[in-house]
Amino acid sequence: MKRKKIRRRYIIKRRFKIFCLLLILAISFPFLHNHFSPKQQNQIVTSPDSILVLVNRNNNLPNGYVPKDLVTPNIQFTFKEDLPKKQMRKEAAEAIEALFAEAKKNGMKLYGVSGYRPYERQKQIFDQKALATGEAEAMKYVALPGQSEHQTGLAMDITSEKGAKNLLKEGFGKTPEYQWLKENAHKYGFIIRYPQGKEDITGYNYEPWHIRYVGVKSATKIFKKDITLEEFISGAK
């Protein structure tokens, strides 16, 4: 009888300790989540409409952000459907029209592949890539929703006539079209956003097809200094 009482007390104490531990964890979880969750550590950009807005792994666009001046540039695309990904912000759209026109004069035929991308579509693309390759591999190329330049309406993925059937391959970086683009994009306000050798700074693998509008003045400085947008923004502070 005495042994049963002792055992019962032991069980009660043990259950009480477990209950207290669970209670402490339940109370502490919101605090821990807020302080150590990567998403919570990211900054929310305060000027999403600026043509110099920095959107990357550490800087999120505000929830529900949609550019107010989206238009479809008069350029050739790799598809005919009237989809949102044809769109860019008005200033960037006018600039890419001029860029493509000049490329054509120089015998370079460029195609638009993907411009504006809403939050929901970015989430679909990331989830599909993560399912196919794993999240770690997906993170090398695909932005998390809210962290994509495409959502700003200032970016466009492009390719050459040869690459129109095999979209967005690193091989585009070895084409005459890319070489011309690399040397002339800044004259129209664009930069190669994710250059080779700068992966540790941009957070993404080399993407020769991804150009970003920042305005002629800033693009020219970035081109001449051979730096990334992150380095340019950091140096401007």
C-alpha atoms as a PDB file:
ATOM      1  CA  MET A   1       0.000   0.000   0.000  1.00  0.00           C
ATOM      2  CA  LYS A   2       2.794   2.348   0.935  1.00  0.00           C
ATOM      3  CA  ARG A   3       4.589   1.588  -2.325  1.00  0.00           C
ATOM      4  CA  LYS A   4       1.439   2.402  -4.301  1.00  0.00           C
ATOM      5  CA  LYS A   5       1.153   5.802  -2.580  1.00  0.00           C
ATOM      6  CA  ILE A   6       4.788   6.594  -3.295  1.00  0.00           C
ATOM      7  CA  ARG A   7       4.380   5.551  -6.936  1.00  0.00           C
ATOM      8  CA  ARG A   8       1.205   7.627  -7.253  1.00  0.00           C
ATOM      9  CA  ARG A   9       2.974  10.702  -5.853  1.00  0.00           C
ATOM     10  CA  TYR A  10       5.841  10.118  -8.277  1.00  0.00           C
ATOM     11  CA  ILE A  11       3.457   9.950 -11.238  1.00  0.00           C
ATOM     12  CA  ILE A  12       1.615  13.088 -10.104  1.00  0.00           C
ATOM     13  CA  LYS A  13       4.880  15.025  -9.729  1.00  0.00           C
ATOM     14  CA  ARG A  14       6.103  13.831 -13.100  1.00  0.00           C
ATOM     15  CA  ARG A  15       2.864  14.863 -14.817  1.00  0.00           C
ATOM     16  CA  PHE A  16       2.981  18.219 -13.066  1.00  0.00           C
ATOM     17  CA  LYS A  17       6.534  18.834 -14.332  1.00  0.00           C
ATOM     18  CA  ILE A  18       5.527  17.924 -17.886  1.00  0.00           C
ATOM     19  CA  PHE A  19       2.503  20.216 -17.626  1.00  0.00           C
ATOM     20  CA  CYS A  20       4.693  23.102 -16.409  1.00  0.00           C
ATOM     21  CA  LEU A  21       7.186  22.522 -19.198  1.00  0.00           C
ATOM     22  CA  LEU A  22       4.454  22.539 -21.841  1.00  0.00           C
ATOM     23  CA  LEU A  23       2.969  25.676 -20.304  1.00  0.00           C
ATOM     24  CA  ILE A  24       6.327  27.464 -20.414  1.00  0.00           C
ATOM     25  CA  LEU A  25       6.820  26.459 -24.057  1.00  0.00           C
ATOM     26  CA  ALA A  26       3.344  27.640 -24.986  1.00  0.00           C
ATOM     27  CA  ILE A  27       3.943  31.019 -23.348  1.00  0.00           C
ATOM     28  CA  SER A  28       7.430  31.387 -24.821  1.00  0.00           C
ATOM     29  CA  PHE A  29       6.638  30.319 -28.396  1.00  0.00           C
ATOM     30  CA  PRO A  30       5.337  33.706 -29.669  1.00  0.00           C
ATOM     31  CA  PHE A  31       8.413  35.448 -28.260  1.00  0.00           C
ATOM     32  CA  LEU A  32      10.814  32.928 -29.771  1.00  0.00           C
ATOM     33  CA  HIS A  33       9.003  32.953 -33.091  1.00  0.00           C
ATOM     34  CA  ASN A  34       9.061  36.736 -33.365  1.00  0.00           C
ATOM     35  CA  HIS A  35      12.740  36.990 -32.540  1.00  0.00           C
ATOM     36  CA  PHE A  36      14.174  34.048 -34.448  1.00  0.00           C
ATOM     37  CA  SER A  37      11.917  33.491 -37.426  1.00  0.00           C
ATOM     38  CA  PRO A  38      13.774  34.570 -40.630  1.00  0.00           C
ATOM     39  CA  LYS A  39      10.639  36.190 -41.998  1.00  0.00           C
ATOM     40  CA  GLN A  40      10.277  38.328 -38.895  1.00  0.00           C
ATOM     41  CA  GLN A  41      13.866  39.537 -39.199  1.00  0.00           C
ATOM     42  CA  ASN A  42      13.323  40.850 -42.740  1.00  0.00           C
ATOM     43  CA  GLN A  43      12.710  44.534 -43.241  1.00  0.00           C
ATOM     44  CA  ILE A  44       9.625  45.825 -45.008  1.00  0.00           C
ATOM     45  CA  VAL A  45      10.630  48.373 -47.635  1.00  0.00           C
ATOM     46  CA  THR A  46       9.157  51.806 -46.972  1.00  0.00           C
ATOM     47  CA  SER A  47       9.295  53.150 -50.540  1.00  0.00           C
ATOM     48  CA  PRO A  48       8.079  50.310 -52.765  1.00  0.00           C
ATOM     49  CA  ASP A  49       7.291  52.726 -55.631  1.00  0.00           C
ATOM     50  CA  SER A  50      10.872  54.028 -55.845  1.00  0.00           C
ATOM     51  CA  ILE A  51      12.728  52.897 -58.978  1.00  0.00           C
ATOM     52  CA  LEU A  52      15.663  52.154 -56.660  1.00  0.00           C
ATOM     53  CA  VAL A  53      13.655  49.948 -54.294  1.00  0.00           C
ATOM     54  CA  LEU A  54      15.850  47.118 -52.998  1.00  0.00           C
ATOM     55  CA  VAL A  55      13.931  43.850 -52.815  1.00  0.00           C
ATOM     56  CA  ASN A  56      15.881  40.735 -51.860  1.00  0.00           C
ATOM     57  CA  ARG A  57      16.218  38.009 -49.217  1.00  0.00           C
ATOM     58  CA  ASN A  58      16.294  40.625 -46.468  1.00  0.00           C
ATOM     59  CA  ASN A  59      13.853  43.201 -47.807  1.00  0.00           C
ATOM     60  CA  ASN A  60      10.196  42.382 -48.363  1.00  0.00           C
ATOM     61  CA  LEU A  61       7.579  44.358 -50.214  1.00  0.00           C
ATOM     62  CA  PRO A  62       4.569  45.427 -48.122  1.00  0.00           C
ATOM     63  CA  ASN A  63       1.696  42.946 -47.972  1.00  0.00           C
ATOM     64  CA  GLY A  64      -0.623  43.301 -50.938  1.00  0.00           C
ATOM     65  CA  TYR A  65       1.690  45.594 -52.891  1.00  0.00           C
ATOM     66  CA  VAL A  66       0.723  46.123 -56.540  1.00  0.00           C
ATOM     67  CA  PRO A  67       2.336  48.827 -58.740  1.00  0.00           C
ATOM     68  CA  LYS A  68      -0.199  51.474 -59.763  1.00  0.00           C
ATOM     69  CA  ASP A  69       1.100  52.234 -63.271  1.00  0.00           C
ATOM     70  CA  LEU A  70       1.472  48.846 -64.946  1.00  0.00           C
ATOM     71  CA  VAL A  71       1.361  48.848 -68.741  1.00  0.00           C
ATOM     72  CA  THR A  72       2.345  46.430 -71.498  1.00  0.00           C
ATOM     73  CA  PRO A  73       5.468  47.513 -73.404  1.00  0.00           C
ATOM     74  CA  ASN A  74       5.409  47.281 -77.194  1.00  0.00           C
ATOM     75  CA  ILE A  75       8.076  44.602 -77.522  1.00  0.00           C
ATOM     76  CA  GLN A  76       8.151  41.049 -78.818  1.00  0.00           C
ATOM     77  CA  PHE A  77       7.429  38.300 -76.305  1.00  0.00           C
ATOM     78  CA  THR A  78       7.952  34.547 -76.409  1.00  0.00           C
ATOM     79  CA  PHE A  79       4.184  34.068 -76.048  1.00  0.00           C
ATOM     80  CA  LYS A  80       1.063  35.674 -77.508  1.00  0.00           C
ATOM     81  CA  GLU A  81      -1.362  35.487 -74.592  1.00  0.00           C
ATOM     82  CA  ASP A  82      -2.272  38.733 -72.843  1.00  0.00           C
ATOM     83  CA  LEU A  83      -0.930  37.817 -69.414  1.00  0.00           C
ATOM     84  CA  PRO A  84       0.128  40.006 -66.454  1.00  0.00           C
ATOM     85  CA  LYS A  85       3.741  38.928 -66.967  1.00  0.00           C
ATOM     86  CA  LYS A  86       3.853  41.121 -70.071  1.00  0.00           C
ATOM     87  CA  GLN A  87       3.483  44.192 -67.892  1.00  0.00           C
ATOM     88  CA  MET A  88       5.983  46.601 -66.381  1.00  0.00           C
ATOM     89  CA  ARG A  89       5.713  49.960 -64.686  1.00  0.00           C
ATOM     90  CA  LYS A  90       5.234  52.734 -67.255  1.00  0.00           C
ATOM     91  CA  GLU A  91       8.721  54.259 -66.975  1.00  0.00           C
ATOM     92  CA  ALA A  92      10.403  50.869 -67.223  1.00  0.00           C
ATOM     93  CA  ALA A  93       8.127  49.825 -70.106  1.00  0.00           C
ATOM     94  CA  GLU A  94       9.082  52.890 -72.154  1.00  0.00           C
ATOM     95  CA  ALA A  95      12.757  52.254 -71.414  1.00  0.00           C
ATOM     96  CA  ILE A  96      12.636  48.605 -72.475  1.00  0.00           C
ATOM     97  CA  GLU A  97      10.929  49.584 -75.733  1.00  0.00           C
ATOM     98  CA  ALA A  98      13.877  51.863 -76.506  1.00  0.00           C
ATOM     99  CA  LEU A  99      16.365  49.175 -75.441  1.00  0.00           C
ATOM    100  CA  PHE A 100      14.820  46.516 -77.683  1.00  0.00           C
ATOM    101  CA  ALA A 101      14.579  48.941 -80.613  1.00  0.00           C
ATOM    102  CA  GLU A 102      18.279  49.783 -80.352  1.00  0.00           C
ATOM    103  CA  ALA A 103      19.172  46.109 -80.052  1.00  0.00           C
ATOM    104  CA  LYS A 104      17.256  45.413 -83.263  1.00  0.00           C
ATOM    105  CA  LYS A 105      19.173  48.181 -85.069  1.00  0.00           C
ATOM    106  CA  ASN A 106      22.346  46.373 -84.064  1.00  0.00           C
ATOM    107  CA  GLY A 107      21.123  43.014 -85.340  1.00  0.00           C
ATOM    108  CA  MET A 108      20.158  41.712 -81.904  1.00  0.00           C
ATOM    109  CA  LYS A 109      16.669  40.261 -81.592  1.00  0.00           C
ATOM    110  CA  LEU A 110      15.467  40.186 -77.990  1.00  0.00           C
ATOM    111  CA  TYR A 111      12.298  38.709 -76.523  1.00  0.00           C
ATOM    112  CA  GLY A 112      10.469  39.432 -73.295  1.00  0.00           C
ATOM    113  CA  VAL A 113       9.769  36.352 -71.179  1.00  0.00           C
ATOM    114  CA  SER A 114       8.419  37.488 -67.818  1.00  0.00           C
ATOM    115  CA  GLY A 115       7.840  40.915 -66.292  1.00  0.00           C
ATOM    116  CA  TYR A 116       5.368  41.744 -63.528  1.00  0.00           C
ATOM    117  CA  ARG A 117       4.458  38.882 -61.240  1.00  0.00           C
ATOM    118  CA  PRO A 118       1.908  39.203 -58.417  1.00  0.00           C
ATOM    119  CA  TYR A 119       2.525  37.727 -54.967  1.00  0.00           C
ATOM    120  CA  GLU A 120       0.204  34.764 -55.528  1.00  0.00           C
ATOM    121  CA  ARG A 121       1.922  33.762 -58.769  1.00  0.00           C
ATOM    122  CA  GLN A 122       5.367  34.020 -57.155  1.00  0.00           C
ATOM    123  CA  LYS A 123       4.180  31.696 -54.395  1.00  0.00           C
ATOM    124  CA  GLN A 124       3.019  29.142 -56.967  1.00  0.00           C
ATOM    125  CA  ILE A 125       6.357  29.259 -58.789  1.00  0.00           C
ATOM    126  CA  PHE A 126       8.386  28.876 -55.590  1.00  0.00           C
ATOM    127  CA  ASP A 127       6.222  26.027 -54.283  1.00  0.00           C
ATOM    128  CA  GLN A 128       6.497  24.169 -57.596  1.00  0.00           C
ATOM    129  CA  LYS A 129      10.279  24.585 -57.710  1.00  0.00           C
ATOM    130  CA  ALA A 130      10.658  23.528 -54.079  1.00  0.00           C
ATOM    131  CA  LEU A 131       8.525  20.445 -54.687  1.00  0.00           C
ATOM    132  CA  ALA A 132      10.631  19.488 -57.703  1.00  0.00           C
ATOM    133  CA  THR A 133      14.134  20.223 -56.381  1.00  0.00           C
ATOM    134  CA  GLY A 134      13.849  20.791 -52.634  1.00  0.00           C
ATOM    135  CA  GLU A 135      13.591  24.116 -50.838  1.00  0.00           C
ATOM    136  CA  ALA A 136      17.348  24.702 -50.523  1.00  0.00           C
ATOM    137  CA  GLU A 137      17.884  24.364 -54.273  1.00  0.00           C
ATOM    138  CA  ALA A 138      14.798  26.444 -55.065  1.00  0.00           C
ATOM    139  CA  MET A 139      16.116  29.286 -52.909  1.00  0.00           C
ATOM    140  CA  LYS A 140      19.161  29.639 -55.204  1.00  0.00           C
ATOM    141  CA  TYR A 141      17.055  30.769 -58.146  1.00  0.00           C
ATOM    142  CA  VAL A 142      13.512  31.561 -57.043  1.00  0.00           C
ATOM    143  CA  ALA A 143      12.524  34.368 -54.690  1.00  0.00           C
ATOM    144  CA  LEU A 144      10.090  33.799 -51.884  1.00  0.00           C
ATOM    145  CA  PRO A 145       6.744  35.553 -52.375  1.00  0.00           C
ATOM    146  CA  GLY A 146       7.075  39.170 -51.273  1.00  0.00           C
ATOM    147  CA  GLN A 147      10.810  39.149 -52.049  1.00  0.00           C
ATOM    148  CA  SER A 148      10.652  39.100 -55.844  1.00  0.00           C
ATOM    149  CA  GLU A 149      11.746  41.980 -58.056  1.00  0.00           C
ATOM    150  CA  HIS A 150       9.110  40.897 -60.535  1.00  0.00           C
ATOM    151  CA  GLN A 151       6.437  42.084 -58.098  1.00  0.00           C
ATOM    152  CA  THR A 152       7.857  45.626 -58.357  1.00  0.00           C
ATOM    153  CA  GLY A 153       7.078  45.827 -62.070  1.00  0.00           C
ATOM    154  CA  LEU A 154      10.665  46.987 -62.710  1.00  0.00           C
ATOM    155  CA  ALA A 155      12.184  43.690 -63.845  1.00  0.00           C
ATOM    156  CA  MET A 156      11.976  41.657 -67.035  1.00  0.00           C
ATOM    157  CA  ASP A 157      13.412  38.265 -67.915  1.00  0.00           C
ATOM    158  CA  ILE A 158      14.559  38.272 -71.526  1.00  0.00           C
ATOM    159  CA  THR A 159      16.082  35.925 -74.064  1.00  0.00           C
ATOM    160  CA  SER A 160      17.283  35.732 -77.655  1.00  0.00           C
ATOM    161  CA  GLU A 161      15.519  34.304 -80.691  1.00  0.00           C
ATOM    162  CA  LYS A 162      17.504  31.075 -80.308  1.00  0.00           C
ATOM    163  CA  GLY A 163      16.599  30.857 -76.635  1.00  0.00           C
ATOM    164  CA  ALA A 164      12.888  31.466 -77.185  1.00  0.00           C
ATOM    165  CA  LYS A 165      12.216  27.722 -77.153  1.00  0.00           C
ATOM    166  CA  ASN A 166      14.523  26.967 -74.228  1.00  0.00           C
ATOM    167  CA  LEU A 167      13.802  29.795 -71.857  1.00  0.00           C
ATOM    168  CA  LEU A 168      16.030  31.244 -69.166  1.00  0.00           C
ATOM    169  CA  LYS A 169      19.196  29.222 -69.441  1.00  0.00           C
ATOM    170  CA  GLU A 170      22.663  30.308 -68.312  1.00  0.00           C
ATOM    171  CA  GLY A 171      23.770  29.703 -71.889  1.00  0.00           C
ATOM    172  CA  PHE A 172      22.124  33.026 -72.767  1.00  0.00           C
ATOM    173  CA  GLY A 173      25.141  34.619 -71.105  1.00  0.00           C
ATOM    174  CA  LYS A 174      27.361  33.314 -73.927  1.00  0.00           C
ATOM    175  CA  THR A 175      25.282  34.725 -76.782  1.00  0.00           C
ATOM    176  CA  PRO A 176      26.009  37.866 -78.835  1.00  0.00           C
ATOM    177  CA  GLU A 177      22.670  39.246 -77.625  1.00  0.00           C
ATOM    178  CA  TYR A 178      23.779  39.048 -74.005  1.00  0.00           C
ATOM    179  CA  GLN A 179      27.176  40.578 -74.730  1.00  0.00           C
ATOM    180  CA  TRP A 180      25.479  43.497 -76.434  1.00  0.00           C
ATOM    181  CA  LEU A 181      22.971  43.790 -73.587  1.00  0.00           C
ATOM    182  CA  LYS A 182      25.701  43.733 -70.954  1.00  0.00           C
ATOM    183  CA  GLU A 183      27.503  46.636 -72.635  1.00  0.00           C
ATOM    184  CA  ASN A 184      24.442  48.739 -73.506  1.00  0.00           C
ATOM    185  CA  ALA A 185      21.593  48.078 -71.040  1.00  0.00           C
ATOM    186  CA  HIS A 186      22.736  50.862 -68.707  1.00  0.00           C
ATOM    187  CA  LYS A 187      22.219  53.449 -71.450  1.00  0.00           C
ATOM    188  CA  TYR A 188      18.494  52.768 -71.108  1.00  0.00           C
ATOM    189  CA  GLY A 189      18.402  52.489 -67.318  1.00  0.00           C
ATOM    190  CA  PHE A 190      18.769  48.719 -66.903  1.00  0.00           C
ATOM    191  CA  ILE A 191      21.281  46.562 -65.063  1.00  0.00           C
ATOM    192  CA  ILE A 192      22.059  42.839 -65.122  1.00  0.00           C
ATOM    193  CA  ARG A 193      20.613  42.261 -61.685  1.00  0.00           C
ATOM    194  CA  TYR A 194      22.226  38.925 -60.762  1.00  0.00           C
ATOM    195  CA  PRO A 195      25.724  38.903 -62.317  1.00  0.00           C
ATOM    196  CA  GLN A 196      28.184  36.042 -62.222  1.00  0.00           C
ATOM    197  CA  GLY A 197      30.555  36.082 -59.258  1.00  0.00           C
ATOM    198  CA  LYS A 198      28.246  38.178 -57.090  1.00  0.00           C
ATOM    199  CA  GLU A 199      26.049  35.380 -55.759  1.00  0.00           C
ATOM    200  CA  ASP A 200      27.113  35.927 -52.144  1.00  0.00           C
ATOM    201  CA  ILE A 201      25.937  39.535 -52.375  1.00  0.00           C
ATOM    202  CA  THR A 202      22.699  39.192 -54.332  1.00  0.00           C
ATOM    203  CA  GLY A 203      21.640  35.924 -52.714  1.00  0.00           C
ATOM    204  CA  TYR A 204      20.863  34.324 -56.080  1.00  0.00           C
ATOM    205  CA  ASN A 205      22.718  32.279 -58.666  1.00  0.00           C
ATOM    206  CA  TYR A 206      23.865  33.885 -61.900  1.00  0.00           C
ATOM    207  CA  GLU A 207      20.909  34.981 -64.056  1.00  0.00           C
ATOM    208  CA  PRO A 208      22.049  36.662 -67.300  1.00  0.00           C
ATOM    209  CA  TRP A 209      18.435  36.920 -68.435  1.00  0.00           C
ATOM    210  CA  HIS A 210      17.143  39.062 -65.553  1.00  0.00           C
ATOM    211  CA  ILE A 211      17.364  42.816 -66.101  1.00  0.00           C
ATOM    212  CA  ARG A 212      16.159  45.475 -63.693  1.00  0.00           C
ATOM    213  CA  TYR A 213      15.250  49.109 -64.322  1.00  0.00           C
ATOM    214  CA  VAL A 214      16.893  51.637 -61.975  1.00  0.00           C
ATOM    215  CA  GLY A 215      17.104  54.706 -64.222  1.00  0.00           C
ATOM    216  CA  VAL A 216      19.916  55.783 -66.553  1.00  0.00           C
ATOM    217  CA  LYS A 217      21.944  57.706 -63.963  1.00  0.00           C
ATOM    218  CA  SER A 218      22.071  54.878 -61.409  1.00  0.00           C
ATOM    219  CA  ALA A 219      22.447  52.143 -64.028  1.00  0.00           C
ATOM    220  CA  THR A 220      25.455  53.938 -65.523  1.00  0.00           C
ATOM    221  CA  LYS A 221      27.167  54.213 -62.128  1.00  0.00           C
ATOM    222  CA  ILE A 222      26.492  50.547 -61.371  1.00  0.00           C
ATOM    223  CA  PHE A 223      27.835  49.521 -64.794  1.00  0.00           C
ATOM    224  CA  LYS A 224      31.014  51.597 -64.547  1.00  0.00           C
ATOM    225  CA  LYS A 225      31.810  50.383 -61.033  1.00  0.00           C
ATOM    226  CA  ASP A 226      30.840  46.781 -61.886  1.00  0.00           C
ATOM    227  CA  ILE A 227      28.808  46.425 -58.700  1.00  0.00           C
ATOM    228  CA  THR A 228      25.410  45.073 -57.675  1.00  0.00           C
ATOM    229  CA  LEU A 229      22.335  47.025 -56.647  1.00  0.00           C
ATOM    230  CA  GLU A 230      22.997  45.956 -53.045  1.00  0.00           C
ATOM    231  CA  GLU A 231      26.482  47.484 -53.166  1.00  0.00           C
ATOM    232  CA  PHE A 232      25.193  50.623 -54.868  1.00  0.00           C
ATOM    233  CA  ILE A 233      22.453  51.183 -52.292  1.00  0.00           C
ATOM    234  CA  SER A 234      24.847  50.437 -49.429  1.00  0.00           C
ATOM    235  CA  GLY A 235      27.388  52.918 -50.773  1.00  0.00           C
ATOM    236  CA  ALA A 236      24.729  55.605 -51.140  1.00  0.00           C
ATOM    237  CA  LYS A 237      23.905  55.529 -47.416  1.00  0.00           C
END
